Amino acid sequence: MIEVTHEVNKCIGCGSCAAIEPKHWAMKGDKSHLKNSKSDGNGNFISKLKDEDYNEILESAQTCPVDCIKIKK
């Protein structure tokens, strides 16, 4: 499993993650939203994904201009 953290407060809502990877990302208002994620209470949303989703989620993280998507294996 991999853990993906989206630091929403840093997100500028450019939509690159949602454009690259709509399976896991969507736009909600003026911010990106990590689908099937839960808030940690500190402005971050966390989701556990299957290992086979790693390359897709990595690509979306690499397109983020403010580096607000973190991945842990």
PDB file of N, CA and C in Angstrom:
ATOM      1  N   MET A   1       0.844  -1.184   0.000  1.00  0.00           N
ATOM      2  CA  MET A   1       0.000   0.000   0.000  1.00  0.00           C
ATOM      3  C   MET A   1       0.887   1.244   0.000  1.00  0.00           C
ATOM      4  N   ILE A   2       0.361   2.284  -0.621  1.00  0.00           N
ATOM      5  CA  ILE A   2       1.021   3.584  -0.567  1.00  0.00           C
ATOM      6  C   ILE A   2       0.086   4.568   0.114  1.00  0.00           C
ATOM      7  N   GLU A   3       0.667   5.555   0.766  1.00  0.00           N
ATOM      8  CA  GLU A   3      -0.110   6.588   1.435  1.00  0.00           C
ATOM      9  C   GLU A   3       0.119   7.906   0.706  1.00  0.00           C
ATOM     10  N   VAL A   4      -0.965   8.520   0.302  1.00  0.00           N
ATOM     11  CA  VAL A   4      -0.893   9.799  -0.413  1.00  0.00           C
ATOM     12  C   VAL A   4      -1.474  10.878   0.485  1.00  0.00           C
ATOM     13  N   THR A   5      -0.722  11.963   0.651  1.00  0.00           N
ATOM     14  CA  THR A   5      -1.175  13.095   1.446  1.00  0.00           C
ATOM     15  C   THR A   5      -1.284  14.310   0.544  1.00  0.00           C
ATOM     16  N   HIS A   6      -2.429  14.962   0.596  1.00  0.00           N
ATOM     17  CA  HIS A   6      -2.656  16.196  -0.157  1.00  0.00           C
ATOM     18  C   HIS A   6      -2.729  17.336   0.845  1.00  0.00           C
ATOM     19  N   GLU A   7      -1.749  18.239   0.767  1.00  0.00           N
ATOM     20  CA  GLU A   7      -1.706  19.400   1.659  1.00  0.00           C
ATOM     21  C   GLU A   7      -2.574  20.495   1.030  1.00  0.00           C
ATOM     22  N   VAL A   8      -3.827  20.486   1.384  1.00  0.00           N
ATOM     23  CA  VAL A   8      -4.821  21.355   0.744  1.00  0.00           C
ATOM     24  C   VAL A   8      -4.494  22.836   0.910  1.00  0.00           C
ATOM     25  N   ASN A   9      -3.961  23.225   2.050  1.00  0.00           N
ATOM     26  CA  ASN A   9      -3.653  24.642   2.272  1.00  0.00           C
ATOM     27  C   ASN A   9      -2.619  25.170   1.288  1.00  0.00           C
ATOM     28  N   LYS A  10      -1.733  24.306   0.805  1.00  0.00           N
ATOM     29  CA  LYS A  10      -0.721  24.703  -0.170  1.00  0.00           C
ATOM     30  C   LYS A  10      -1.258  24.699  -1.607  1.00  0.00           C
ATOM     31  N   CYS A  11      -2.330  23.961  -1.838  1.00  0.00           N
ATOM     32  CA  CYS A  11      -2.889  23.778  -3.182  1.00  0.00           C
ATOM     33  C   CYS A  11      -3.349  25.114  -3.763  1.00  0.00           C
ATOM     34  N   ILE A  12      -2.922  25.386  -5.010  1.00  0.00           N
ATOM     35  CA  ILE A  12      -3.346  26.621  -5.682  1.00  0.00           C
ATOM     36  C   ILE A  12      -4.469  26.368  -6.676  1.00  0.00           C
ATOM     37  N   GLY A  13      -4.916  25.128  -6.788  1.00  0.00           N
ATOM     38  CA  GLY A  13      -6.051  24.798  -7.638  1.00  0.00           C
ATOM     39  C   GLY A  13      -5.761  24.855  -9.128  1.00  0.00           C
ATOM     40  N   CYS A  14      -4.530  24.578  -9.525  1.00  0.00           N
ATOM     41  CA  CYS A  14      -4.186  24.641 -10.952  1.00  0.00           C
ATOM     42  C   CYS A  14      -4.856  23.519 -11.741  1.00  0.00           C
ATOM     43  N   GLY A  15      -5.175  22.405 -11.078  1.00  0.00           N
ATOM     44  CA  GLY A  15      -5.888  21.308 -11.723  1.00  0.00           C
ATOM     45  C   GLY A  15      -5.008  20.336 -12.490  1.00  0.00           C
ATOM     46  N   SER A  16      -3.700  20.482 -12.412  1.00  0.00           N
ATOM     47  CA  SER A  16      -2.831  19.581 -13.177  1.00  0.00           C
ATOM     48  C   SER A  16      -2.980  18.128 -12.720  1.00  0.00           C
ATOM     49  N   CYS A  17      -3.111  17.895 -11.434  1.00  0.00           N
ATOM     50  CA  CYS A  17      -3.259  16.527 -10.942  1.00  0.00           C
ATOM     51  C   CYS A  17      -4.555  15.892 -11.461  1.00  0.00           C
ATOM     52  N   ALA A  18      -5.640  16.650 -11.439  1.00  0.00           N
ATOM     53  CA  ALA A  18      -6.927  16.137 -11.917  1.00  0.00           C
ATOM     54  C   ALA A  18      -6.923  15.906 -13.425  1.00  0.00           C
ATOM     55  N   ALA A  19      -6.200  16.734 -14.154  1.00  0.00           N
ATOM     56  CA  ALA A  19      -6.112  16.567 -15.608  1.00  0.00           C
ATOM     57  C   ALA A  19      -5.296  15.330 -15.966  1.00  0.00           C
ATOM     58  N   ILE A  20      -4.211  15.104 -15.231  1.00  0.00           N
ATOM     59  CA  ILE A  20      -3.311  13.976 -15.497  1.00  0.00           C
ATOM     60  C   ILE A  20      -3.902  12.667 -14.971  1.00  0.00           C
ATOM     61  N   GLU A  21      -4.549  12.709 -13.822  1.00  0.00           N
ATOM     62  CA  GLU A  21      -4.968  11.510 -13.117  1.00  0.00           C
ATOM     63  C   GLU A  21      -6.389  11.618 -12.568  1.00  0.00           C
ATOM     64  N   PRO A  22      -7.394  11.658 -13.443  1.00  0.00           N
ATOM     65  CA  PRO A  22      -8.780  11.815 -12.963  1.00  0.00           C
ATOM     66  C   PRO A  22      -9.302  10.622 -12.168  1.00  0.00           C
ATOM     67  N   LYS A  23      -8.589   9.506 -12.211  1.00  0.00           N
ATOM     68  CA  LYS A  23      -8.990   8.334 -11.409  1.00  0.00           C
ATOM     69  C   LYS A  23      -8.917   8.642  -9.912  1.00  0.00           C
ATOM     70  N   HIS A  24      -7.941   9.464  -9.508  1.00  0.00           N
ATOM     71  CA  HIS A  24      -7.738   9.746  -8.088  1.00  0.00           C
ATOM     72  C   HIS A  24      -7.953  11.203  -7.695  1.00  0.00           C
ATOM     73  N   TRP A  25      -8.093  12.108  -8.680  1.00  0.00           N
ATOM     74  CA  TRP A  25      -8.203  13.536  -8.386  1.00  0.00           C
ATOM     75  C   TRP A  25      -9.411  14.149  -9.076  1.00  0.00           C
ATOM     76  N   ALA A  26      -9.999  15.138  -8.432  1.00  0.00           N
ATOM     77  CA  ALA A  26     -11.101  15.913  -9.011  1.00  0.00           C
ATOM     78  C   ALA A  26     -10.997  17.338  -8.486  1.00  0.00           C
ATOM     79  N   MET A  27     -11.549  18.255  -9.216  1.00  0.00           N
ATOM     80  CA  MET A  27     -11.600  19.636  -8.749  1.00  0.00           C
ATOM     81  C   MET A  27     -12.881  19.822  -7.945  1.00  0.00           C
ATOM     82  N   LYS A  28     -12.745  20.444  -6.793  1.00  0.00           N
ATOM     83  CA  LYS A  28     -13.893  20.816  -5.948  1.00  0.00           C
ATOM     84  C   LYS A  28     -13.719  22.280  -5.627  1.00  0.00           C
ATOM     85  N   GLY A  29     -14.551  23.109  -6.221  1.00  0.00           N
ATOM     86  CA  GLY A  29     -14.400  24.544  -6.035  1.00  0.00           C
ATOM     87  C   GLY A  29     -13.094  24.997  -6.638  1.00  0.00           C
ATOM     88  N   ASP A  30     -12.275  25.687  -5.870  1.00  0.00           N
ATOM     89  CA  ASP A  30     -11.011  26.210  -6.393  1.00  0.00           C
ATOM     90  C   ASP A  30      -9.797  25.391  -5.934  1.00  0.00           C
ATOM     91  N   LYS A  31     -10.022  24.155  -5.495  1.00  0.00           N
ATOM     92  CA  LYS A  31      -8.933  23.281  -5.038  1.00  0.00           C
ATOM     93  C   LYS A  31      -9.093  21.890  -5.643  1.00  0.00           C
ATOM     94  N   SER A  32      -7.978  21.178  -5.709  1.00  0.00           N
ATOM     95  CA  SER A  32      -8.012  19.771  -6.090  1.00  0.00           C
ATOM     96  C   SER A  32      -8.494  18.957  -4.898  1.00  0.00           C
ATOM     97  N   HIS A  33      -9.045  17.793  -5.189  1.00  0.00           N
ATOM     98  CA  HIS A  33      -9.540  16.909  -4.142  1.00  0.00           C
ATOM     99  C   HIS A  33      -9.035  15.503  -4.426  1.00  0.00           C
ATOM    100  N   LEU A  34      -8.387  14.890  -3.455  1.00  0.00           N
ATOM    101  CA  LEU A  34      -7.944  13.503  -3.539  1.00  0.00           C
ATOM    102  C   LEU A  34      -9.141  12.617  -3.232  1.00  0.00           C
ATOM    103  N   LYS A  35      -9.599  11.892  -4.228  1.00  0.00           N
ATOM    104  CA  LYS A  35     -10.787  11.053  -4.060  1.00  0.00           C
ATOM    105  C   LYS A  35     -10.562   9.997  -2.983  1.00  0.00           C
ATOM    106  N   ASN A  36     -11.632   9.676  -2.276  1.00  0.00           N
ATOM    107  CA  ASN A  36     -11.617   8.646  -1.223  1.00  0.00           C
ATOM    108  C   ASN A  36     -10.576   8.924  -0.134  1.00  0.00           C
ATOM    109  N   SER A  37     -10.393  10.191   0.169  1.00  0.00           N
ATOM    110  CA  SER A  37      -9.434  10.554   1.218  1.00  0.00           C
ATOM    111  C   SER A  37     -10.170  11.026   2.467  1.00  0.00           C
ATOM    112  N   LYS A  38      -9.417  11.043   3.551  1.00  0.00           N
ATOM    113  CA  LYS A  38      -9.974  11.497   4.828  1.00  0.00           C
ATOM    114  C   LYS A  38      -9.094  12.591   5.394  1.00  0.00           C
ATOM    115  N   SER A  39      -9.722  13.551   6.054  1.00  0.00           N
ATOM    116  CA  SER A  39      -8.993  14.658   6.663  1.00  0.00           C
ATOM    117  C   SER A  39      -8.228  14.175   7.887  1.00  0.00           C
ATOM    118  N   ASP A  40      -7.039  14.731   8.063  1.00  0.00           N
ATOM    119  CA  ASP A  40      -6.279  14.442   9.282  1.00  0.00           C
ATOM    120  C   ASP A  40      -6.522  15.509  10.345  1.00  0.00           C
ATOM    121  N   GLY A  41      -7.393  16.485  10.042  1.00  0.00           N
ATOM    122  CA  GLY A  41      -7.706  17.544  10.981  1.00  0.00           C
ATOM    123  C   GLY A  41      -6.746  18.720  10.935  1.00  0.00           C
ATOM    124  N   ASN A  42      -5.721  18.616  10.112  1.00  0.00           N
ATOM    125  CA  ASN A  42      -4.713  19.677   9.999  1.00  0.00           C
ATOM    126  C   ASN A  42      -4.647  20.277   8.598  1.00  0.00           C
ATOM    127  N   GLY A  43      -5.711  20.137   7.829  1.00  0.00           N
ATOM    128  CA  GLY A  43      -5.730  20.684   6.475  1.00  0.00           C
ATOM    129  C   GLY A  43      -5.170  19.749   5.424  1.00  0.00           C
ATOM    130  N   ASN A  44      -4.863  18.522   5.818  1.00  0.00           N
ATOM    131  CA  ASN A  44      -4.358  17.526   4.879  1.00  0.00           C
ATOM    132  C   ASN A  44      -5.404  16.442   4.680  1.00  0.00           C
ATOM    133  N   PHE A  45      -5.415  15.870   3.481  1.00  0.00           N
ATOM    134  CA  PHE A  45      -6.283  14.740   3.203  1.00  0.00           C
ATOM    135  C   PHE A  45      -5.416  13.567   2.810  1.00  0.00           C
ATOM    136  N   ILE A  46      -5.716  12.404   3.386  1.00  0.00           N
ATOM    137  CA  ILE A  46      -4.875  11.221   3.234  1.00  0.00           C
ATOM    138  C   ILE A  46      -5.692  10.079   2.662  1.00  0.00           C
ATOM    139  N   SER A  47      -5.061   9.337   1.742  1.00  0.00           N
ATOM    140  CA  SER A  47      -5.693   8.171   1.150  1.00  0.00           C
ATOM    141  C   SER A  47      -4.672   7.045   1.056  1.00  0.00           C
ATOM    142  N   LYS A  48      -5.120   5.837   1.275  1.00  0.00           N
ATOM    143  CA  LYS A  48      -4.290   4.639   1.085  1.00  0.00           C
ATOM    144  C   LYS A  48      -4.660   4.056  -0.280  1.00  0.00           C
ATOM    145  N   LEU A  49      -3.637   3.843  -1.100  1.00  0.00           N
ATOM    146  CA  LEU A  49      -3.854   3.320  -2.443  1.00  0.00           C
ATOM    147  C   LEU A  49      -3.051   2.041  -2.644  1.00  0.00           C
ATOM    148  N   LYS A  50      -3.456   1.282  -3.636  1.00  0.00           N
ATOM    149  CA  LYS A  50      -2.754   0.052  -3.975  1.00  0.00           C
ATOM    150  C   LYS A  50      -1.409   0.380  -4.608  1.00  0.00           C
ATOM    151  N   ASP A  51      -0.451  -0.523  -4.432  1.00  0.00           N
ATOM    152  CA  ASP A  51       0.880  -0.333  -5.000  1.00  0.00           C
ATOM    153  C   ASP A  51       0.840  -0.122  -6.512  1.00  0.00           C
ATOM    154  N   GLU A  52      -0.083  -0.769  -7.187  1.00  0.00           N
ATOM    155  CA  GLU A  52      -0.153  -0.631  -8.644  1.00  0.00           C
ATOM    156  C   GLU A  52      -0.590   0.775  -9.091  1.00  0.00           C
ATOM    157  N   ASP A  53      -1.079   1.594  -8.178  1.00  0.00           N
ATOM    158  CA  ASP A  53      -1.446   2.979  -8.502  1.00  0.00           C
ATOM    159  C   ASP A  53      -0.260   3.938  -8.361  1.00  0.00           C
ATOM    160  N   TYR A  54       0.883   3.424  -7.931  1.00  0.00           N
ATOM    161  CA  TYR A  54       2.027   4.283  -7.625  1.00  0.00           C
ATOM    162  C   TYR A  54       2.455   5.155  -8.806  1.00  0.00           C
ATOM    163  N   ASN A  55       2.661   4.581  -9.974  1.00  0.00           N
ATOM    164  CA  ASN A  55       3.148   5.365 -11.115  1.00  0.00           C
ATOM    165  C   ASN A  55       2.175   6.465 -11.518  1.00  0.00           C
ATOM    166  N   GLU A  56       0.885   6.160 -11.464  1.00  0.00           N
ATOM    167  CA  GLU A  56      -0.122   7.167 -11.805  1.00  0.00           C
ATOM    168  C   GLU A  56      -0.112   8.326 -10.807  1.00  0.00           C
ATOM    169  N   ILE A  57      -0.098   7.999  -9.536  1.00  0.00           N
ATOM    170  CA  ILE A  57      -0.144   9.046  -8.510  1.00  0.00           C
ATOM    171  C   ILE A  57       1.167   9.824  -8.478  1.00  0.00           C
ATOM    172  N   LEU A  58       2.275   9.143  -8.760  1.00  0.00           N
ATOM    173  CA  LEU A  58       3.570   9.824  -8.828  1.00  0.00           C
ATOM    174  C   LEU A  58       3.575  10.855  -9.950  1.00  0.00           C
ATOM    175  N   GLU A  59       3.024  10.496 -11.090  1.00  0.00           N
ATOM    176  CA  GLU A  59       2.960  11.442 -12.211  1.00  0.00           C
ATOM    177  C   GLU A  59       2.147  12.675 -11.843  1.00  0.00           C
ATOM    178  N   SER A  60       1.034  12.483 -11.163  1.00  0.00           N
ATOM    179  CA  SER A  60       0.220  13.635 -10.769  1.00  0.00           C
ATOM    180  C   SER A  60       0.970  14.496  -9.752  1.00  0.00           C
ATOM    181  N   ALA A  61       1.714  13.866  -8.840  1.00  0.00           N
ATOM    182  CA  ALA A  61       2.484  14.621  -7.852  1.00  0.00           C
ATOM    183  C   ALA A  61       3.603  15.422  -8.517  1.00  0.00           C
ATOM    184  N   GLN A  62       4.219  14.850  -9.523  1.00  0.00           N
ATOM    185  CA  GLN A  62       5.320  15.527 -10.205  1.00  0.00           C
ATOM    186  C   GLN A  62       4.859  16.728 -11.020  1.00  0.00           C
ATOM    187  N   THR A  63       3.586  16.765 -11.392  1.00  0.00           N
ATOM    188  CA  THR A  63       3.075  17.908 -12.152  1.00  0.00           C
ATOM    189  C   THR A  63       2.661  19.068 -11.257  1.00  0.00           C
ATOM    190  N   CYS A  64       2.563  18.827  -9.953  1.00  0.00           N
ATOM    191  CA  CYS A  64       2.103  19.860  -9.021  1.00  0.00           C
ATOM    192  C   CYS A  64       3.160  20.967  -8.882  1.00  0.00           C
ATOM    193  N   PRO A  65       2.806  22.198  -9.231  1.00  0.00           N
ATOM    194  CA  PRO A  65       3.788  23.280  -9.168  1.00  0.00           C
ATOM    195  C   PRO A  65       4.134  23.740  -7.751  1.00  0.00           C
ATOM    196  N   VAL A  66       3.328  23.370  -6.760  1.00  0.00           N
ATOM    197  CA  VAL A  66       3.599  23.797  -5.384  1.00  0.00           C
ATOM    198  C   VAL A  66       3.954  22.630  -4.466  1.00  0.00           C
ATOM    199  N   ASP A  67       4.132  21.444  -5.039  1.00  0.00           N
ATOM    200  CA  ASP A  67       4.591  20.271  -4.293  1.00  0.00           C
ATOM    201  C   ASP A  67       3.723  19.979  -3.069  1.00  0.00           C
ATOM    202  N   CYS A  68       2.408  19.934  -3.269  1.00  0.00           N
ATOM    203  CA  CYS A  68       1.516  19.692  -2.131  1.00  0.00           C
ATOM    204  C   CYS A  68       0.993  18.256  -2.090  1.00  0.00           C
ATOM    205  N   ILE A  69       1.560  17.374  -2.929  1.00  0.00           N
ATOM    206  CA  ILE A  69       1.175  15.968  -2.937  1.00  0.00           C
ATOM    207  C   ILE A  69       2.374  15.152  -2.483  1.00  0.00           C
ATOM    208  N   LYS A  70       2.216  14.436  -1.388  1.00  0.00           N
ATOM    209  CA  LYS A  70       3.292  13.638  -0.809  1.00  0.00           C
ATOM    210  C   LYS A  70       2.910  12.163  -0.899  1.00  0.00           C
ATOM    211  N   ILE A  71       3.901  11.322  -1.196  1.00  0.00           N
ATOM    212  CA  ILE A  71       3.677   9.892  -1.353  1.00  0.00           C
ATOM    213  C   ILE A  71       4.643   9.122  -0.463  1.00  0.00           C
ATOM    214  N   LYS A  72       4.109   8.143   0.280  1.00  0.00           N
ATOM    215  CA  LYS A  72       4.935   7.241   1.088  1.00  0.00           C
ATOM    216  C   LYS A  72       4.619   5.814   0.664  1.00  0.00           C
ATOM    217  N   LYS A  73       5.668   5.043   0.430  1.00  0.00           N
ATOM    218  CA  LYS A  73       5.484   3.626   0.116  1.00  0.00           C
ATOM    219  C   LYS A  73       5.487   2.808   1.375  1.00  0.00           C
TER     220      LYS A  73
END
